Amino acid sequence: MIGCSRCGGSGWLFDPVNRSSVPCAECAMVEAGNRLAEPKDNGPLFRQPEPESRIDREFREFAFKHPEVEKELVKLARKAVAKGRKNFGMKALWEVMRWTFWMEWKEGEEPFKLNNNYTSRYARMLMDKHPELRGFFKTRRLTA
């Protein structure tokens, strides 16, 4: 890998005409006299996408197989918004939905389990797909 010609960091650029490295944006600013910060290593310019985690893959498959879960969660969240809630816990909606689905299952239907590990993914998905729910669920950084 070619590093910045000034700091040697991996926040690099490549000049295809001269076939050599050129200063990264921060070093170029320093050389131009517009010193904003000391040059630092910002990692590669193009990052490889992180491999999909097992839980993300299982969530995606579950959400595809059971669209009624998203539909029910949206319905419950919109109901809470209509009642004046500014935010609410996905786990609370999850348990209400779990009860509702259990009460409505009919004889002979194939029941499915609602994995608690999917709640944070559903919260993010609902806020991404439904503008009226943006910020409705509090989320933390995903660790798994």
N, C-alpha and C. Protein backbone atom coordinates (compact mmCIF):
# COMPACT_ATOMS: atom_id res chain seq x y z
N MET A 1 0.85 -1.18 0.00
CA MET A 1 0.00 0.00 0.00
C MET A 1 0.89 1.24 0.00
N ILE A 2 0.48 2.26 -0.67
CA ILE A 2 1.24 3.50 -0.76
C ILE A 2 0.70 4.46 0.28
N GLY A 3 1.61 5.04 1.07
CA GLY A 3 1.21 5.98 2.10
C GLY A 3 1.35 7.41 1.61
N CYS A 4 0.90 8.31 2.45
CA CYS A 4 1.03 9.74 2.16
C CYS A 4 2.51 10.05 1.97
N SER A 5 2.84 10.88 0.98
CA SER A 5 4.24 11.19 0.70
C SER A 5 4.86 12.05 1.80
N ARG A 6 4.05 12.65 2.68
CA ARG A 6 4.59 13.51 3.73
C ARG A 6 4.63 12.80 5.08
N CYS A 7 3.47 12.30 5.53
CA CYS A 7 3.41 11.71 6.87
C CYS A 7 3.56 10.18 6.84
N GLY A 8 3.46 9.59 5.65
CA GLY A 8 3.58 8.15 5.54
C GLY A 8 2.36 7.40 6.02
N GLY A 9 1.35 8.13 6.46
CA GLY A 9 0.12 7.51 6.96
C GLY A 9 -0.67 6.85 5.86
N SER A 10 -1.71 6.17 6.27
CA SER A 10 -2.50 5.45 5.27
C SER A 10 -3.68 6.27 4.79
N GLY A 11 -3.77 7.56 5.19
CA GLY A 11 -4.78 8.44 4.63
C GLY A 11 -4.25 8.95 3.31
N TRP A 12 -3.97 8.05 2.40
CA TRP A 12 -3.19 8.31 1.20
C TRP A 12 -4.05 8.59 -0.02
N LEU A 13 -3.38 9.18 -0.98
CA LEU A 13 -3.95 9.37 -2.31
C LEU A 13 -2.89 8.90 -3.30
N PHE A 14 -3.29 8.56 -4.49
CA PHE A 14 -2.34 8.10 -5.49
C PHE A 14 -2.50 8.93 -6.75
N ASP A 15 -1.41 9.46 -7.23
CA ASP A 15 -1.40 10.26 -8.45
C ASP A 15 -1.13 9.32 -9.63
N PRO A 16 -2.17 9.01 -10.44
CA PRO A 16 -1.97 8.04 -11.51
C PRO A 16 -1.07 8.54 -12.63
N VAL A 17 -0.94 9.86 -12.78
CA VAL A 17 -0.09 10.41 -13.85
C VAL A 17 1.38 10.17 -13.51
N ASN A 18 1.78 10.57 -12.31
CA ASN A 18 3.17 10.41 -11.89
C ASN A 18 3.43 9.05 -11.25
N ARG A 19 2.38 8.28 -11.08
CA ARG A 19 2.46 6.95 -10.48
C ARG A 19 3.20 6.98 -9.15
N SER A 20 2.80 7.92 -8.29
CA SER A 20 3.42 8.03 -6.97
C SER A 20 2.38 8.51 -5.97
N SER A 21 2.73 8.42 -4.70
CA SER A 21 1.81 8.91 -3.68
C SER A 21 1.91 10.42 -3.60
N VAL A 22 0.86 11.03 -3.15
CA VAL A 22 0.81 12.48 -2.96
C VAL A 22 0.37 12.72 -1.52
N PRO A 23 0.53 13.93 -1.02
CA PRO A 23 0.13 14.18 0.37
C PRO A 23 -1.37 13.96 0.59
N CYS A 24 -1.68 13.45 1.78
CA CYS A 24 -3.10 13.31 2.14
C CYS A 24 -3.68 14.72 2.31
N ALA A 25 -4.98 14.83 2.47
CA ALA A 25 -5.65 16.13 2.54
C ALA A 25 -5.12 16.97 3.70
N GLU A 26 -4.88 16.35 4.85
CA GLU A 26 -4.39 17.12 6.00
C GLU A 26 -2.99 17.65 5.76
N CYS A 27 -2.11 16.80 5.18
CA CYS A 27 -0.74 17.24 4.90
C CYS A 27 -0.74 18.32 3.83
N ALA A 28 -1.61 18.21 2.85
CA ALA A 28 -1.69 19.21 1.80
C ALA A 28 -2.10 20.56 2.40
N MET A 29 -3.00 20.54 3.40
CA MET A 29 -3.41 21.77 4.08
C MET A 29 -2.23 22.38 4.83
N VAL A 30 -1.43 21.54 5.50
CA VAL A 30 -0.27 22.03 6.24
C VAL A 30 0.74 22.64 5.28
N GLU A 31 1.00 21.94 4.16
CA GLU A 31 1.95 22.47 3.17
C GLU A 31 1.47 23.78 2.58
N ALA A 32 0.15 23.96 2.46
CA ALA A 32 -0.40 25.20 1.90
C ALA A 32 -0.44 26.31 2.93
N GLY A 33 -0.08 26.01 4.17
CA GLY A 33 -0.07 27.03 5.21
C GLY A 33 -1.38 27.14 5.98
N ASN A 34 -2.33 26.32 5.68
CA ASN A 34 -3.61 26.33 6.38
C ASN A 34 -3.61 25.20 7.41
N ARG A 35 -2.84 25.37 8.44
CA ARG A 35 -2.65 24.31 9.42
C ARG A 35 -3.91 24.16 10.27
N LEU A 36 -4.60 23.05 10.12
CA LEU A 36 -5.78 22.76 10.94
C LEU A 36 -5.44 21.79 12.05
N ALA A 37 -4.63 20.81 11.74
CA ALA A 37 -4.31 19.79 12.73
C ALA A 37 -3.04 19.08 12.30
N GLU A 38 -2.42 18.41 13.22
CA GLU A 38 -1.27 17.59 12.88
C GLU A 38 -1.73 16.44 12.00
N PRO A 39 -0.93 16.04 11.05
CA PRO A 39 -1.30 14.90 10.22
C PRO A 39 -1.50 13.67 11.09
N LYS A 40 -2.46 12.86 10.76
CA LYS A 40 -2.71 11.64 11.52
C LYS A 40 -3.12 10.53 10.58
N ASP A 41 -3.03 9.32 11.05
CA ASP A 41 -3.39 8.14 10.27
C ASP A 41 -4.90 7.95 10.35
N ASN A 42 -5.58 8.12 9.23
CA ASN A 42 -7.03 7.96 9.19
C ASN A 42 -7.46 6.63 8.63
N GLY A 43 -6.54 5.73 8.43
CA GLY A 43 -6.90 4.45 7.85
C GLY A 43 -6.96 4.54 6.34
N PRO A 44 -7.23 3.42 5.70
CA PRO A 44 -7.24 3.41 4.23
C PRO A 44 -8.38 4.25 3.67
N LEU A 45 -8.15 4.77 2.47
CA LEU A 45 -9.16 5.58 1.80
C LEU A 45 -10.40 4.76 1.48
N PHE A 46 -10.19 3.55 0.99
CA PHE A 46 -11.31 2.68 0.68
C PHE A 46 -11.28 1.49 1.63
N ARG A 47 -12.25 1.43 2.51
CA ARG A 47 -12.31 0.34 3.49
C ARG A 47 -13.10 -0.83 2.91
N GLN A 48 -12.65 -2.01 3.23
CA GLN A 48 -13.42 -3.19 2.86
C GLN A 48 -14.65 -3.23 3.75
N PRO A 49 -15.81 -3.58 3.22
CA PRO A 49 -16.98 -3.69 4.08
C PRO A 49 -16.75 -4.79 5.10
N GLU A 50 -17.22 -4.53 6.32
CA GLU A 50 -17.08 -5.54 7.35
C GLU A 50 -17.97 -6.72 7.01
N PRO A 51 -17.50 -7.92 7.30
CA PRO A 51 -18.34 -9.08 7.00
C PRO A 51 -19.62 -9.04 7.85
N GLU A 52 -20.68 -9.50 7.26
CA GLU A 52 -21.96 -9.50 7.95
C GLU A 52 -21.88 -10.46 9.14
N SER A 53 -22.31 -10.01 10.31
CA SER A 53 -22.28 -10.86 11.49
C SER A 53 -23.39 -11.91 11.40
N ARG A 54 -23.25 -12.93 12.19
CA ARG A 54 -24.24 -14.01 12.22
C ARG A 54 -25.62 -13.45 12.60
N ILE A 55 -25.66 -12.59 13.61
CA ILE A 55 -26.95 -12.05 14.06
C ILE A 55 -27.57 -11.16 12.98
N ASP A 56 -26.75 -10.38 12.26
CA ASP A 56 -27.29 -9.55 11.18
C ASP A 56 -27.87 -10.41 10.07
N ARG A 57 -27.16 -11.49 9.73
CA ARG A 57 -27.65 -12.40 8.68
C ARG A 57 -28.96 -13.07 9.12
N GLU A 58 -29.01 -13.55 10.37
CA GLU A 58 -30.23 -14.20 10.87
C GLU A 58 -31.39 -13.21 10.95
N PHE A 59 -31.09 -11.97 11.37
CA PHE A 59 -32.13 -10.94 11.43
C PHE A 59 -32.70 -10.68 10.04
N ARG A 60 -31.80 -10.48 9.06
CA ARG A 60 -32.24 -10.21 7.68
C ARG A 60 -33.13 -11.33 7.17
N GLU A 61 -32.73 -12.57 7.42
CA GLU A 61 -33.52 -13.72 6.97
C GLU A 61 -34.87 -13.76 7.67
N PHE A 62 -34.89 -13.50 8.98
CA PHE A 62 -36.13 -13.51 9.75
C PHE A 62 -37.07 -12.41 9.27
N ALA A 63 -36.54 -11.20 9.09
CA ALA A 63 -37.36 -10.07 8.67
C ALA A 63 -37.97 -10.32 7.29
N PHE A 64 -37.21 -10.96 6.41
CA PHE A 64 -37.71 -11.29 5.07
C PHE A 64 -38.82 -12.34 5.16
N LYS A 65 -38.63 -13.32 6.02
CA LYS A 65 -39.58 -14.42 6.14
C LYS A 65 -40.86 -14.01 6.88
N HIS A 66 -40.75 -13.01 7.77
CA HIS A 66 -41.90 -12.61 8.60
C HIS A 66 -42.14 -11.10 8.52
N PRO A 67 -42.64 -10.60 7.37
CA PRO A 67 -42.88 -9.16 7.25
C PRO A 67 -43.97 -8.66 8.21
N GLU A 68 -44.78 -9.57 8.71
CA GLU A 68 -45.84 -9.17 9.66
C GLU A 68 -45.27 -8.61 10.95
N VAL A 69 -44.04 -8.98 11.29
CA VAL A 69 -43.40 -8.45 12.50
C VAL A 69 -43.16 -6.95 12.33
N GLU A 70 -42.56 -6.57 11.22
CA GLU A 70 -42.33 -5.14 10.97
C GLU A 70 -43.65 -4.38 10.93
N LYS A 71 -44.63 -4.95 10.26
CA LYS A 71 -45.94 -4.28 10.13
C LYS A 71 -46.55 -4.04 11.52
N GLU A 72 -46.49 -5.05 12.38
CA GLU A 72 -47.06 -4.92 13.72
C GLU A 72 -46.27 -3.90 14.56
N LEU A 73 -44.96 -3.92 14.46
CA LEU A 73 -44.14 -2.97 15.22
C LEU A 73 -44.41 -1.53 14.77
N VAL A 74 -44.55 -1.33 13.48
CA VAL A 74 -44.86 0.01 12.97
C VAL A 74 -46.22 0.46 13.50
N LYS A 75 -47.19 -0.44 13.48
CA LYS A 75 -48.52 -0.12 13.99
C LYS A 75 -48.46 0.28 15.46
N LEU A 76 -47.74 -0.49 16.27
CA LEU A 76 -47.64 -0.20 17.70
C LEU A 76 -46.89 1.11 17.95
N ALA A 77 -45.81 1.33 17.22
CA ALA A 77 -45.03 2.56 17.40
C ALA A 77 -45.85 3.78 17.01
N ARG A 78 -46.57 3.70 15.90
CA ARG A 78 -47.41 4.83 15.47
C ARG A 78 -48.52 5.11 16.48
N LYS A 79 -49.01 4.06 17.10
CA LYS A 79 -50.03 4.21 18.14
C LYS A 79 -49.45 4.99 19.32
N ALA A 80 -48.22 4.66 19.70
CA ALA A 80 -47.56 5.37 20.81
C ALA A 80 -47.30 6.83 20.44
N VAL A 81 -46.90 7.09 19.20
CA VAL A 81 -46.68 8.46 18.74
C VAL A 81 -47.99 9.23 18.79
N ALA A 82 -49.08 8.60 18.34
CA ALA A 82 -50.40 9.26 18.34
C ALA A 82 -50.85 9.60 19.76
N LYS A 83 -50.38 8.83 20.74
CA LYS A 83 -50.72 9.10 22.15
C LYS A 83 -49.81 10.15 22.76
N GLY A 84 -48.87 10.68 21.96
CA GLY A 84 -48.02 11.76 22.44
C GLY A 84 -46.63 11.35 22.89
N ARG A 85 -46.27 10.11 22.71
CA ARG A 85 -44.92 9.67 23.13
C ARG A 85 -43.88 10.22 22.18
N LYS A 86 -42.80 10.76 22.72
CA LYS A 86 -41.69 11.26 21.91
C LYS A 86 -40.68 10.15 21.64
N ASN A 87 -40.58 9.22 22.56
CA ASN A 87 -39.76 8.03 22.36
C ASN A 87 -40.33 6.89 23.20
N PHE A 88 -39.88 5.69 22.89
CA PHE A 88 -40.41 4.51 23.56
C PHE A 88 -39.41 3.39 23.42
N GLY A 89 -39.53 2.39 24.25
CA GLY A 89 -38.60 1.26 24.20
C GLY A 89 -39.07 0.18 23.24
N MET A 90 -38.16 -0.25 22.37
CA MET A 90 -38.47 -1.33 21.44
C MET A 90 -38.79 -2.61 22.19
N LYS A 91 -38.12 -2.86 23.32
CA LYS A 91 -38.37 -4.10 24.08
C LYS A 91 -39.82 -4.14 24.57
N ALA A 92 -40.37 -3.01 24.96
CA ALA A 92 -41.77 -2.98 25.41
C ALA A 92 -42.70 -3.33 24.25
N LEU A 93 -42.45 -2.74 23.08
CA LEU A 93 -43.28 -3.05 21.91
C LEU A 93 -43.11 -4.51 21.52
N TRP A 94 -41.91 -5.04 21.65
CA TRP A 94 -41.61 -6.43 21.32
C TRP A 94 -42.45 -7.37 22.17
N GLU A 95 -42.55 -7.08 23.47
CA GLU A 95 -43.32 -7.95 24.37
C GLU A 95 -44.83 -7.84 24.09
N VAL A 96 -45.30 -6.64 23.78
CA VAL A 96 -46.71 -6.48 23.41
C VAL A 96 -47.00 -7.29 22.15
N MET A 97 -46.11 -7.19 21.19
CA MET A 97 -46.28 -7.93 19.93
C MET A 97 -46.22 -9.43 20.18
N ARG A 98 -45.30 -9.86 21.02
CA ARG A 98 -45.19 -11.29 21.35
C ARG A 98 -46.52 -11.79 21.91
N TRP A 99 -47.12 -11.05 22.83
CA TRP A 99 -48.40 -11.42 23.42
C TRP A 99 -49.50 -11.44 22.35
N THR A 100 -49.53 -10.41 21.54
CA THR A 100 -50.55 -10.30 20.49
C THR A 100 -50.47 -11.48 19.52
N PHE A 101 -49.27 -11.77 19.05
CA PHE A 101 -49.10 -12.89 18.12
C PHE A 101 -49.50 -14.21 18.77
N TRP A 102 -49.12 -14.39 20.01
CA TRP A 102 -49.45 -15.64 20.71
C TRP A 102 -50.96 -15.80 20.85
N MET A 103 -51.66 -14.71 21.16
CA MET A 103 -53.12 -14.76 21.33
C MET A 103 -53.84 -14.99 20.01
N GLU A 104 -53.25 -14.57 18.90
CA GLU A 104 -53.92 -14.66 17.60
C GLU A 104 -53.54 -15.89 16.78
N TRP A 105 -52.56 -16.69 17.25
CA TRP A 105 -52.20 -17.89 16.49
C TRP A 105 -53.37 -18.84 16.45
N LYS A 106 -53.57 -19.38 15.29
CA LYS A 106 -54.69 -20.30 15.08
C LYS A 106 -54.17 -21.73 15.07
N GLU A 107 -55.03 -22.64 15.41
CA GLU A 107 -54.71 -24.07 15.39
C GLU A 107 -54.19 -24.46 14.01
N GLY A 108 -53.09 -25.18 13.97
CA GLY A 108 -52.54 -25.65 12.70
C GLY A 108 -51.55 -24.70 12.06
N GLU A 109 -51.47 -23.44 12.52
CA GLU A 109 -50.48 -22.51 11.98
C GLU A 109 -49.11 -22.82 12.56
N GLU A 110 -48.10 -22.53 11.80
CA GLU A 110 -46.73 -22.72 12.27
C GLU A 110 -46.31 -21.50 13.09
N PRO A 111 -46.21 -21.64 14.42
CA PRO A 111 -45.79 -20.48 15.23
C PRO A 111 -44.29 -20.22 15.05
N PHE A 112 -43.89 -18.99 15.24
CA PHE A 112 -42.47 -18.65 15.19
C PHE A 112 -42.12 -17.90 16.46
N LYS A 113 -40.87 -17.98 16.84
CA LYS A 113 -40.40 -17.32 18.04
C LYS A 113 -39.82 -15.97 17.69
N LEU A 114 -40.01 -15.02 18.60
CA LEU A 114 -39.45 -13.68 18.44
C LEU A 114 -38.17 -13.60 19.26
N ASN A 115 -37.05 -13.58 18.57
CA ASN A 115 -35.74 -13.55 19.22
C ASN A 115 -35.45 -12.15 19.75
N ASN A 116 -35.18 -12.05 21.04
CA ASN A 116 -34.90 -10.75 21.65
C ASN A 116 -33.66 -10.08 21.05
N ASN A 117 -32.78 -10.86 20.45
CA ASN A 117 -31.58 -10.28 19.84
C ASN A 117 -31.88 -9.39 18.65
N TYR A 118 -33.09 -9.46 18.12
CA TYR A 118 -33.44 -8.70 16.92
C TYR A 118 -34.02 -7.32 17.25
N THR A 119 -34.30 -7.04 18.51
CA THR A 119 -34.98 -5.77 18.83
C THR A 119 -34.20 -4.55 18.38
N SER A 120 -32.88 -4.54 18.61
CA SER A 120 -32.10 -3.36 18.23
C SER A 120 -32.05 -3.19 16.72
N ARG A 121 -32.04 -4.30 16.00
CA ARG A 121 -32.03 -4.22 14.53
C ARG A 121 -33.38 -3.71 14.02
N TYR A 122 -34.47 -4.18 14.62
CA TYR A 122 -35.78 -3.67 14.22
C TYR A 122 -35.92 -2.19 14.53
N ALA A 123 -35.41 -1.75 15.68
CA ALA A 123 -35.49 -0.32 16.02
C ALA A 123 -34.80 0.51 14.95
N ARG A 124 -33.61 0.11 14.56
CA ARG A 124 -32.87 0.84 13.53
C ARG A 124 -33.58 0.78 12.18
N MET A 125 -34.08 -0.39 11.83
CA MET A 125 -34.75 -0.54 10.54
C MET A 125 -36.01 0.33 10.48
N LEU A 126 -36.80 0.33 11.55
CA LEU A 126 -38.02 1.13 11.55
C LEU A 126 -37.70 2.62 11.44
N MET A 127 -36.68 3.08 12.15
CA MET A 127 -36.33 4.50 12.08
C MET A 127 -35.77 4.86 10.71
N ASP A 128 -35.08 3.92 10.06
CA ASP A 128 -34.56 4.17 8.70
C ASP A 128 -35.68 4.22 7.67
N LYS A 129 -36.64 3.31 7.79
CA LYS A 129 -37.67 3.18 6.76
C LYS A 129 -38.88 4.08 6.95
N HIS A 130 -39.10 4.54 8.17
CA HIS A 130 -40.31 5.32 8.47
C HIS A 130 -39.90 6.66 9.09
N PRO A 131 -39.88 7.72 8.29
CA PRO A 131 -39.40 9.03 8.76
C PRO A 131 -40.10 9.53 10.03
N GLU A 132 -41.36 9.21 10.19
CA GLU A 132 -42.09 9.69 11.38
C GLU A 132 -41.61 9.01 12.66
N LEU A 133 -40.81 7.95 12.53
CA LEU A 133 -40.29 7.24 13.70
C LEU A 133 -38.81 7.53 13.97
N ARG A 134 -38.20 8.42 13.18
CA ARG A 134 -36.78 8.73 13.39
C ARG A 134 -36.58 9.32 14.78
N GLY A 135 -35.65 8.74 15.52
CA GLY A 135 -35.36 9.20 16.87
C GLY A 135 -36.32 8.67 17.92
N PHE A 136 -37.30 7.91 17.53
CA PHE A 136 -38.31 7.41 18.47
C PHE A 136 -37.73 6.37 19.43
N PHE A 137 -36.79 5.57 18.94
CA PHE A 137 -36.15 4.56 19.76
C PHE A 137 -34.74 5.01 20.09
N LYS A 138 -34.33 4.82 21.32
CA LYS A 138 -32.96 5.11 21.73
C LYS A 138 -32.12 3.89 21.38
N THR A 139 -30.99 4.13 20.76
CA THR A 139 -30.11 3.02 20.38
C THR A 139 -28.70 3.29 20.88
N ARG A 140 -27.96 2.22 21.06
CA ARG A 140 -26.55 2.30 21.42
C ARG A 140 -25.75 1.70 20.28
N ARG A 141 -24.44 1.83 20.39
CA ARG A 141 -23.56 1.24 19.39
C ARG A 141 -23.71 -0.28 19.43
N LEU A 142 -23.84 -0.89 18.25
CA LEU A 142 -23.95 -2.35 18.18
C LEU A 142 -22.60 -2.97 18.52
N THR A 143 -22.63 -4.02 19.32
CA THR A 143 -21.40 -4.72 19.67
C THR A 143 -21.34 -6.10 19.08
N ALA A 144 -22.48 -6.63 18.66
CA ALA A 144 -22.49 -7.98 18.07
C ALA A 144 -23.11 -7.93 16.70
